[in-house]
């Protein structure tokens, strides 16, 4: 018994050594990419697939238990005649966004790029016969916008994907699937995406939550493949957990870091670069009945609050089945862009400020400049607890007019001529 215990203990210690050796060490290129990612602050998410044709959102296949063979017939009619990648990227760039995250393959299983590992893709299965990802990558490269790829870990259409908690009614016969086959398929596609489309800013995984927590997704090996193919490509996973080894960014869905209003983001906030994704209306994929778009003010506030919590904002748009971005979404992009032209300096390249977020707003910081973003203040004065910091100057950012301030032992009191009414009343403090 004692001999068995010693043998077990030795094996345990050896395994600990293996785990320690396999711990992810990001490269210099990766660390530089993380910093650039944080500096960019604002991206646009694009959920586009066959589900756009049904105009009921990206989960319609599983929500309505649609047979995957019948659903696949949608591909025969997919012809987005108005799709223009250059026009998309130009509208997104006008918003002030610095990167795009595009759904290369969503849970429905349809690939929006030319893949040799499945005929169920936009080039081989549709009359459109154009590689949408290739055209988008070219437009992004031409216009100086980073491109990120969303990639689904689950698949409601493939027989080799083991049944999870979703997609059980889509007509697949073998609930156990063939994990070895499916895992190889994913890695083959990821290799294509990271080989054929130029430099990619990030791979954005989704679907881990579909399987029990005991399920072995073999993520370390998959992450290592990505980092080998493109060392500066960041890995993120929308698993709603504290980041796993090998991940470079932490994702929050419909919540700012540290908040959990939607019930999807209760995980601990890590030291990795942070990103929160949110919809411009109510749905990720195009939904014809969802015209409840958030106001420009709401979107700007969400961007500012994200920056104040040291996070990027990834704002979603669901393109129409004809290939155009919804007109309301394009209008919101333009209006956000006008604001960013004036206030982008207080967002880009900043980190969360030394004054924590409050009901009145947030702070961002760059060097010795502290930007006080006043979003909702009922008074004509604001106290900032800046102990240990000397405020040398206070000005209204938009016109550099002086702002009166009174120093106290506990901080400074900013005094305004009237209660702030701007969408974001930004005060720039020079601190020492």
Protein backbone atom coordinates (compact mmCIF):
# COMPACT_ATOMS: atom_id res chain seq x y z
CA UNK A 1 0.00 0.00 0.00
CA UNK A 2 2.81 2.35 0.94
CA UNK A 3 4.65 1.55 -2.32
CA UNK A 4 1.51 2.31 -4.33
CA UNK A 5 1.11 5.63 -2.53
CA UNK A 6 4.72 6.65 -3.24
CA UNK A 7 4.30 5.68 -6.90
CA UNK A 8 1.08 7.72 -7.10
CA UNK A 9 2.79 10.68 -5.45
CA UNK A 10 5.70 10.55 -7.90
CA UNK A 11 3.30 10.38 -10.83
CA UNK A 12 1.36 13.36 -9.44
CA UNK A 13 4.54 15.43 -9.04
CA UNK A 14 5.68 14.49 -12.57
CA UNK A 15 2.31 15.59 -13.94
CA UNK A 16 2.58 18.88 -12.07
CA UNK A 17 5.90 19.42 -13.83
CA UNK A 18 4.31 18.71 -17.21
CA UNK A 19 1.49 21.16 -16.51
CA UNK A 20 3.97 23.78 -15.37
CA UNK A 21 6.06 23.33 -18.53
CA UNK A 22 3.00 23.58 -20.77
CA UNK A 23 1.93 26.87 -19.21
CA UNK A 24 1.45 29.45 -21.95
CA UNK A 25 4.16 32.07 -22.40
CA UNK A 26 3.11 34.79 -24.86
CA UNK A 27 5.69 35.99 -27.38
CA UNK A 28 6.93 39.57 -27.69
CA UNK A 29 4.79 39.95 -30.81
CA UNK A 30 1.76 38.75 -28.86
CA UNK A 31 2.35 41.14 -25.97
CA UNK A 32 2.72 44.02 -28.43
CA UNK A 33 -0.53 42.98 -30.12
CA UNK A 34 -2.31 42.94 -26.76
CA UNK A 35 -1.23 46.53 -26.11
CA UNK A 36 -2.35 47.62 -29.58
CA UNK A 37 -5.67 45.85 -29.00
CA UNK A 38 -6.18 47.82 -25.77
CA UNK A 39 -5.23 51.06 -27.50
CA UNK A 40 -7.80 50.52 -30.27
CA UNK A 41 -10.68 50.46 -27.79
CA UNK A 42 -13.53 50.12 -30.32
CA UNK A 43 -14.50 47.37 -32.75
CA UNK A 44 -17.54 46.29 -34.76
CA UNK A 45 -18.95 42.75 -34.60
CA UNK A 46 -20.65 41.37 -37.72
CA UNK A 47 -22.97 38.35 -37.37
CA UNK A 48 -23.75 37.14 -40.88
CA UNK A 49 -24.71 33.71 -42.18
CA UNK A 50 -27.55 31.78 -43.78
CA UNK A 51 -29.72 32.72 -40.78
CA UNK A 52 -29.95 36.25 -42.20
CA UNK A 53 -32.24 34.87 -44.92
CA UNK A 54 -34.81 33.76 -42.34
CA UNK A 55 -34.48 37.17 -40.60
CA UNK A 56 -35.22 35.69 -37.16
CA UNK A 57 -31.76 35.77 -35.59
CA UNK A 58 -28.71 33.53 -35.54
CA UNK A 59 -30.19 30.94 -33.14
CA UNK A 60 -33.25 30.22 -35.27
CA UNK A 61 -32.03 26.76 -36.33
CA UNK A 62 -31.96 25.32 -32.81
CA UNK A 63 -34.78 27.48 -31.43
CA UNK A 64 -37.16 26.06 -34.06
CA UNK A 65 -35.60 22.58 -34.29
CA UNK A 66 -34.99 22.95 -38.01
CA UNK A 67 -33.64 19.83 -39.71
CA UNK A 68 -30.09 20.55 -40.79
CA UNK A 69 -30.61 19.01 -44.25
CA UNK A 70 -33.63 21.24 -44.88
CA UNK A 71 -31.84 24.27 -43.41
CA UNK A 72 -28.91 23.66 -45.77
CA UNK A 73 -31.23 24.31 -48.71
CA UNK A 74 -31.07 28.00 -47.78
CA UNK A 75 -27.59 28.03 -49.30
CA UNK A 76 -29.08 27.44 -52.74
CA UNK A 77 -30.80 30.82 -52.56
CA UNK A 78 -28.08 32.81 -50.80
CA UNK A 79 -27.14 35.60 -53.20
CA UNK A 80 -26.37 38.87 -51.36
CA UNK A 81 -26.26 41.01 -54.51
CA UNK A 82 -25.60 44.25 -52.61
CA UNK A 83 -22.63 43.00 -50.62
CA UNK A 84 -19.71 45.41 -50.97
CA UNK A 85 -16.84 44.78 -48.57
CA UNK A 86 -15.24 48.16 -49.28
CA UNK A 87 -18.52 49.92 -48.49
CA UNK A 88 -18.90 47.96 -45.24
CA UNK A 89 -15.39 48.74 -44.08
CA UNK A 90 -15.68 52.42 -45.03
CA UNK A 91 -18.89 52.81 -42.98
CA UNK A 92 -17.29 51.03 -40.02
CA UNK A 93 -14.09 53.06 -40.28
CA UNK A 94 -16.20 56.24 -40.28
CA UNK A 95 -17.49 55.26 -36.82
CA UNK A 96 -14.01 55.43 -35.35
CA UNK A 97 -13.85 51.65 -34.90
CA UNK A 98 -10.37 50.20 -35.35
CA UNK A 99 -11.22 46.55 -35.98
CA UNK A 100 -13.91 44.21 -37.26
CA UNK A 101 -14.80 40.78 -35.87
CA UNK A 102 -16.59 38.65 -38.48
CA UNK A 103 -18.44 35.34 -38.08
CA UNK A 104 -16.50 32.93 -40.31
CA UNK A 105 -18.61 29.99 -39.10
CA UNK A 106 -21.46 30.29 -36.61
CA UNK A 107 -23.32 27.54 -34.74
CA UNK A 108 -25.40 26.77 -37.85
CA UNK A 109 -22.25 25.22 -39.35
CA UNK A 110 -22.12 27.20 -42.60
CA UNK A 111 -18.67 28.54 -43.54
CA UNK A 112 -18.60 32.09 -44.93
CA UNK A 113 -15.24 31.40 -46.60
CA UNK A 114 -13.82 29.03 -49.19
CA UNK A 115 -12.78 25.94 -47.25
CA UNK A 116 -11.60 22.68 -48.74
CA UNK A 117 -12.70 20.76 -45.64
CA UNK A 118 -16.44 21.17 -46.23
CA UNK A 119 -18.59 21.81 -49.31
CA UNK A 120 -21.07 23.59 -47.02
CA UNK A 121 -19.57 27.01 -47.67
CA UNK A 122 -20.35 30.26 -49.44
CA UNK A 123 -18.28 29.47 -52.53
CA UNK A 124 -19.29 25.86 -53.18
CA UNK A 125 -22.89 25.74 -51.88
CA UNK A 126 -24.33 29.06 -53.05
CA UNK A 127 -24.94 30.76 -56.41
CA UNK A 128 -22.99 33.75 -55.03
CA UNK A 129 -19.72 31.77 -55.32
CA UNK A 130 -17.60 34.54 -53.79
CA UNK A 131 -15.34 34.22 -50.76
CA UNK A 132 -16.84 36.81 -48.43
CA UNK A 133 -14.02 36.55 -45.89
CA UNK A 134 -11.41 37.05 -48.62
CA UNK A 135 -13.14 40.21 -49.87
CA UNK A 136 -13.55 41.52 -46.34
CA UNK A 137 -9.89 40.82 -45.55
CA UNK A 138 -8.80 42.71 -48.67
CA UNK A 139 -11.01 45.70 -47.83
CA UNK A 140 -9.72 45.81 -44.25
CA UNK A 141 -6.10 45.67 -45.41
CA UNK A 142 -6.72 48.46 -47.92
CA UNK A 143 -8.45 50.74 -45.41
CA UNK A 144 -6.24 50.04 -42.40
CA UNK A 145 -8.75 48.17 -40.25
CA UNK A 146 -7.77 45.11 -38.20
CA UNK A 147 -9.70 41.91 -38.90
CA UNK A 148 -10.69 39.40 -36.21
CA UNK A 149 -12.43 36.06 -36.82
CA UNK A 150 -15.34 34.67 -34.82
CA UNK A 151 -15.28 30.85 -34.91
CA UNK A 152 -17.89 28.55 -33.40
CA UNK A 153 -16.75 25.65 -31.26
CA UNK A 154 -20.11 23.93 -31.74
CA UNK A 155 -22.00 22.89 -34.85
CA UNK A 156 -25.70 22.08 -35.19
CA UNK A 157 -25.26 20.57 -38.66
CA UNK A 158 -22.25 18.25 -38.49
CA UNK A 159 -22.83 14.63 -37.56
CA UNK A 160 -19.38 14.37 -35.93
CA UNK A 161 -20.03 17.14 -33.39
CA UNK A 162 -21.16 15.48 -30.11
CA UNK A 163 -24.59 16.66 -29.00
CA UNK A 164 -24.48 19.48 -26.50
CA UNK A 165 -27.24 21.31 -24.69
CA UNK A 166 -28.26 23.05 -27.93
CA UNK A 167 -29.01 21.74 -31.42
CA UNK A 168 -30.47 18.43 -30.27
CA UNK A 169 -33.48 18.75 -32.55
CA UNK A 170 -31.71 19.47 -35.84
CA UNK A 171 -31.92 15.90 -37.16
CA UNK A 172 -28.41 14.62 -36.46
CA UNK A 173 -28.55 10.90 -35.77
CA UNK A 174 -25.48 10.15 -33.65
CA UNK A 175 -25.61 11.95 -30.31
CA UNK A 176 -22.06 10.85 -29.45
CA UNK A 177 -20.61 12.22 -32.69
CA UNK A 178 -16.93 11.68 -33.50
CA UNK A 179 -14.86 14.14 -31.51
CA UNK A 180 -11.53 13.21 -33.12
CA UNK A 181 -12.98 13.91 -36.57
CA UNK A 182 -14.65 17.17 -35.52
CA UNK A 183 -11.60 18.47 -33.66
CA UNK A 184 -9.42 17.85 -36.71
CA UNK A 185 -11.98 19.60 -38.90
CA UNK A 186 -11.90 22.72 -36.69
CA UNK A 187 -8.11 22.83 -36.64
CA UNK A 188 -7.97 22.38 -40.40
CA UNK A 189 -10.31 25.34 -40.86
CA UNK A 190 -8.44 27.48 -38.36
CA UNK A 191 -5.23 26.73 -40.27
CA UNK A 192 -6.92 27.93 -43.47
CA UNK A 193 -8.18 31.11 -41.80
CA UNK A 194 -4.73 31.91 -40.43
CA UNK A 195 -2.91 31.04 -43.65
CA UNK A 196 -5.04 32.34 -46.52
CA UNK A 197 -6.32 35.73 -45.33
CA UNK A 198 -3.31 37.72 -44.18
CA UNK A 199 -2.55 38.94 -40.64
CA UNK A 200 -5.48 38.27 -38.28
CA UNK A 201 -5.86 40.26 -35.06
CA UNK A 202 -7.73 37.64 -33.02
CA UNK A 203 -9.65 34.38 -33.05
CA UNK A 204 -12.89 34.86 -31.10
CA UNK A 205 -14.24 31.47 -29.99
CA UNK A 206 -17.82 30.81 -28.92
CA UNK A 207 -19.69 27.67 -27.83
CA UNK A 208 -17.63 26.17 -24.99
CA UNK A 209 -20.72 26.46 -22.77
CA UNK A 210 -22.58 23.95 -24.98
CA UNK A 211 -20.87 20.96 -23.34
CA UNK A 212 -20.55 19.91 -19.66
CA UNK A 213 -17.63 21.50 -17.80
CA UNK A 214 -15.98 18.06 -17.68
CA UNK A 215 -15.81 17.92 -21.51
CA UNK A 216 -12.27 18.05 -22.89
CA UNK A 217 -12.21 20.58 -25.71
CA UNK A 218 -8.41 20.14 -26.09
CA UNK A 219 -8.06 23.90 -26.07
CA UNK A 220 -4.34 24.17 -25.15
CA UNK A 221 -3.36 22.33 -28.32
CA UNK A 222 -5.77 24.39 -30.42
CA UNK A 223 -4.54 27.64 -28.93
CA UNK A 224 -0.92 26.54 -29.51
CA UNK A 225 -1.75 25.92 -33.18
CA UNK A 226 -3.08 29.48 -33.53
CA UNK A 227 -0.05 31.01 -31.82
CA UNK A 228 2.28 28.93 -33.97
CA UNK A 229 0.60 30.02 -37.21
CA UNK A 230 0.44 33.70 -36.19
CA UNK A 231 2.22 34.47 -32.88
CA UNK A 232 0.66 37.93 -32.63
CA UNK A 233 -2.89 36.65 -33.20
CA UNK A 234 -4.82 36.99 -29.95
CA UNK A 235 -7.04 34.21 -28.62
CA UNK A 236 -10.31 34.95 -26.82
CA UNK A 237 -13.12 32.63 -25.78
CA UNK A 238 -16.67 33.65 -24.95
CA UNK A 239 -16.99 30.87 -22.36
CA UNK A 240 -18.17 33.13 -19.51
CA UNK A 241 -15.38 31.79 -17.29
CA UNK A 242 -12.16 33.19 -15.87
CA UNK A 243 -9.65 33.00 -18.77
CA UNK A 244 -8.02 29.67 -19.50
CA UNK A 245 -4.31 29.12 -20.08
CA UNK A 246 -3.40 30.17 -23.61
CA UNK A 247 -5.94 33.00 -23.91
CA UNK A 248 -4.82 36.56 -24.57
CA UNK A 249 -8.01 38.56 -24.00
CA UNK A 250 -11.01 38.21 -21.71
CA UNK A 251 -14.48 38.54 -23.19
CA UNK A 252 -17.66 39.76 -21.50
CA UNK A 253 -21.02 39.30 -23.22
CA UNK A 254 -23.64 42.05 -22.88
CA UNK A 255 -21.98 43.29 -19.69
CA UNK A 256 -19.17 45.58 -18.71
CA UNK A 257 -16.38 43.92 -16.67
CA UNK A 258 -17.43 43.43 -13.07
CA UNK A 259 -21.12 43.73 -13.89
CA UNK A 260 -23.48 40.83 -14.46
CA UNK A 261 -26.82 42.37 -15.35
CA UNK A 262 -27.42 39.89 -18.19
CA UNK A 263 -26.31 36.84 -16.18
CA UNK A 264 -23.53 35.92 -18.60
CA UNK A 265 -20.54 37.72 -17.11
CA UNK A 266 -20.15 36.75 -13.48
CA UNK A 267 -16.55 35.64 -13.96
CA UNK A 268 -13.68 37.30 -12.15
CA UNK A 269 -12.04 40.17 -14.03
CA UNK A 270 -8.50 39.18 -15.03
CA UNK A 271 -5.42 41.24 -15.89
CA UNK A 272 -5.70 40.34 -19.56
CA UNK A 273 -6.94 42.93 -22.06
CA UNK A 274 -10.72 43.13 -21.74
CA UNK A 275 -13.50 43.31 -24.30
CA UNK A 276 -17.25 43.59 -23.89
CA UNK A 277 -19.58 42.75 -26.77
CA UNK A 278 -23.04 44.26 -27.10
CA UNK A 279 -25.77 44.47 -29.72
CA UNK A 280 -26.74 47.70 -31.47
CA UNK A 281 -30.39 46.62 -31.35
CA UNK A 282 -31.54 43.46 -29.52
CA UNK A 283 -30.23 40.61 -31.67
CA UNK A 284 -26.84 39.51 -33.00
CA UNK A 285 -27.99 38.20 -36.39
CA UNK A 286 -30.42 40.11 -38.60
CA UNK A 287 -34.00 40.06 -37.29
CA UNK A 288 -36.60 41.82 -39.40
CA UNK A 289 -38.88 42.61 -36.45
CA UNK A 290 -36.10 44.06 -34.29
CA UNK A 291 -35.86 47.75 -35.09
CA UNK A 292 -35.26 48.73 -31.47
CA UNK A 293 -31.85 50.31 -32.06
CA UNK A 294 -30.08 51.91 -29.14
CA UNK A 295 -29.73 55.67 -29.37
CA UNK A 296 -26.41 57.21 -30.35
CA UNK A 297 -26.14 58.61 -26.84
CA UNK A 298 -26.58 55.13 -25.33
CA UNK A 299 -23.94 53.67 -27.65
CA UNK A 300 -21.46 56.44 -26.87
CA UNK A 301 -22.07 56.00 -23.15
CA UNK A 302 -21.44 52.26 -23.47
CA UNK A 303 -18.16 52.90 -25.29
CA UNK A 304 -17.06 55.45 -22.70
CA UNK A 305 -18.05 53.23 -19.76
CA UNK A 306 -16.15 50.32 -21.30
CA UNK A 307 -13.04 52.48 -21.63
CA UNK A 308 -13.51 53.62 -18.03
CA UNK A 309 -13.42 49.96 -16.98
CA UNK A 310 -10.29 49.34 -19.04
CA UNK A 311 -12.19 47.43 -21.72
CA UNK A 312 -12.80 47.59 -25.46
CA UNK A 313 -16.31 47.75 -26.87
CA UNK A 314 -17.22 45.32 -29.65
CA UNK A 315 -20.52 46.67 -30.99
CA UNK A 316 -22.58 44.28 -33.11
CA UNK A 317 -24.44 44.75 -36.38
CA UNK A 318 -26.42 42.03 -38.17
CA UNK A 319 -26.08 42.53 -41.97
CA UNK A 320 -29.20 42.06 -44.10
CA UNK A 321 -29.72 39.03 -46.39
CA UNK A 322 -29.12 41.26 -49.43
CA UNK A 323 -25.60 42.05 -48.16
CA UNK A 324 -26.16 45.61 -46.97
CA UNK A 325 -25.72 46.89 -43.44
CA UNK A 326 -29.07 48.16 -42.04
CA UNK A 327 -29.51 51.87 -42.73
CA UNK A 328 -30.15 52.67 -39.07
CA UNK A 329 -26.92 50.93 -38.10
CA UNK A 330 -24.97 52.90 -40.70
CA UNK A 331 -26.51 56.10 -39.35
CA UNK A 332 -25.47 55.19 -35.80
CA UNK A 333 -21.93 54.45 -37.03
CA UNK A 334 -21.73 57.88 -38.66
CA UNK A 335 -23.01 59.64 -35.55
CA UNK A 336 -20.60 57.78 -33.29
CA UNK A 337 -17.84 58.71 -35.72
CA UNK A 338 -18.64 62.42 -35.45
CA UNK A 339 -18.34 62.17 -31.68
CA UNK A 340 -15.10 60.19 -31.91
CA UNK A 341 -13.56 62.81 -34.21
CA UNK A 342 -13.87 65.30 -31.36
CA UNK A 343 -13.34 63.06 -28.33
CA UNK A 344 -11.35 60.09 -29.63
CA UNK A 345 -8.21 61.35 -27.91
CA UNK A 346 -9.92 60.72 -24.55
CA UNK A 347 -10.63 57.08 -25.56
CA UNK A 348 -7.91 55.74 -27.90
CA UNK A 349 -4.71 54.66 -26.19
CA UNK A 350 -6.11 55.29 -22.71
CA UNK A 351 -6.48 53.00 -19.73
CA UNK A 352 -9.01 53.22 -16.92
CA UNK A 353 -8.41 56.33 -14.82
CA UNK A 354 -7.33 56.53 -11.19
CA UNK A 355 -10.84 57.59 -10.16
CA UNK A 356 -13.08 54.53 -10.15
CA UNK A 357 -16.37 54.50 -12.12
CA UNK A 358 -19.32 56.18 -10.36
CA UNK A 359 -22.97 56.85 -11.15
CA UNK A 360 -21.96 60.19 -12.67
CA UNK A 361 -19.49 58.61 -15.11
CA UNK A 362 -15.93 57.31 -15.48
CA UNK A 363 -12.36 58.43 -15.96
CA UNK A 364 -9.76 57.44 -18.55
CA UNK A 365 -6.09 58.22 -18.45
CA UNK A 366 -3.12 58.69 -20.76
CA UNK A 367 0.18 59.76 -19.25
CA UNK A 368 -0.39 62.78 -17.01
CA UNK A 369 -3.80 63.51 -18.56
CA UNK A 370 -6.86 62.36 -16.62
CA UNK A 371 -10.09 62.60 -18.61
CA UNK A 372 -13.20 62.93 -16.49
CA UNK A 373 -16.20 61.71 -18.49
CA UNK A 374 -19.33 63.17 -16.91
CA UNK A 375 -22.31 61.23 -18.28
CA UNK A 376 -25.03 61.85 -15.70
CA UNK A 377 -24.51 64.59 -13.12
CA UNK A 378 -27.36 66.42 -11.40
CA UNK A 379 -25.20 69.16 -9.88
CA UNK A 380 -22.94 71.95 -11.12
CA UNK A 381 -20.01 70.58 -9.13
CA UNK A 382 -18.16 67.27 -8.86
CA UNK A 383 -15.76 66.05 -6.18
CA UNK A 384 -12.93 63.75 -7.23
CA UNK A 385 -11.01 61.77 -4.56
CA UNK A 386 -7.50 62.44 -5.84
CA UNK A 387 -5.41 61.94 -2.73
CA UNK A 388 -1.69 61.94 -3.36
CA UNK A 389 -2.10 63.61 -6.75
CA UNK A 390 -1.51 67.26 -7.60
CA UNK A 391 -3.87 68.80 -10.15
CA UNK A 392 -1.94 71.39 -12.15
CA UNK A 393 -4.63 72.33 -14.64
CA UNK A 394 -8.33 71.68 -15.40
CA UNK A 395 -9.95 72.49 -18.75
CA UNK A 396 -13.10 71.55 -20.64
CA UNK A 397 -11.78 69.18 -23.30
CA UNK A 398 -13.97 70.36 -26.20
CA UNK A 399 -12.74 73.96 -26.20
CA UNK A 400 -9.89 73.96 -23.65
CA UNK A 401 -11.68 76.63 -21.58
CA UNK A 402 -10.58 76.64 -17.92
CA UNK A 403 -12.60 74.78 -15.30
CA UNK A 404 -12.57 76.15 -11.78
CA UNK A 405 -11.33 73.68 -9.17
CA UNK A 406 -10.75 73.80 -5.44
CA UNK A 407 -8.05 71.64 -3.86
CA UNK A 408 -8.71 69.87 -0.58
CA UNK A 409 -6.77 67.27 1.40
CA UNK A 410 -9.10 64.56 0.07
CA UNK A 411 -9.04 65.62 -3.58
CA UNK A 412 -10.42 68.34 -5.83
CA UNK A 413 -13.85 69.90 -6.32
CA UNK A 414 -14.68 70.81 -9.92
CA UNK A 415 -17.13 73.69 -10.30
CA UNK A 416 -19.13 74.35 -13.48
CA UNK A 417 -21.14 77.33 -14.69
CA UNK A 418 -24.16 75.02 -15.08
CA UNK A 419 -25.19 71.39 -14.74
CA UNK A 420 -23.42 69.44 -17.57
CA UNK A 421 -25.81 68.62 -20.42
CA UNK A 422 -23.47 67.21 -23.09
CA UNK A 423 -23.71 63.54 -24.07
CA UNK A 424 -20.28 63.29 -22.45
CA UNK A 425 -19.01 66.38 -20.65
CA UNK A 426 -15.25 65.73 -20.64
CA UNK A 427 -12.95 67.58 -18.28
CA UNK A 428 -9.21 67.22 -18.90
CA UNK A 429 -7.03 67.31 -15.81
CA UNK A 430 -3.26 67.62 -15.93
CA UNK A 431 -1.97 65.79 -12.89
CA UNK A 432 1.39 65.31 -11.26
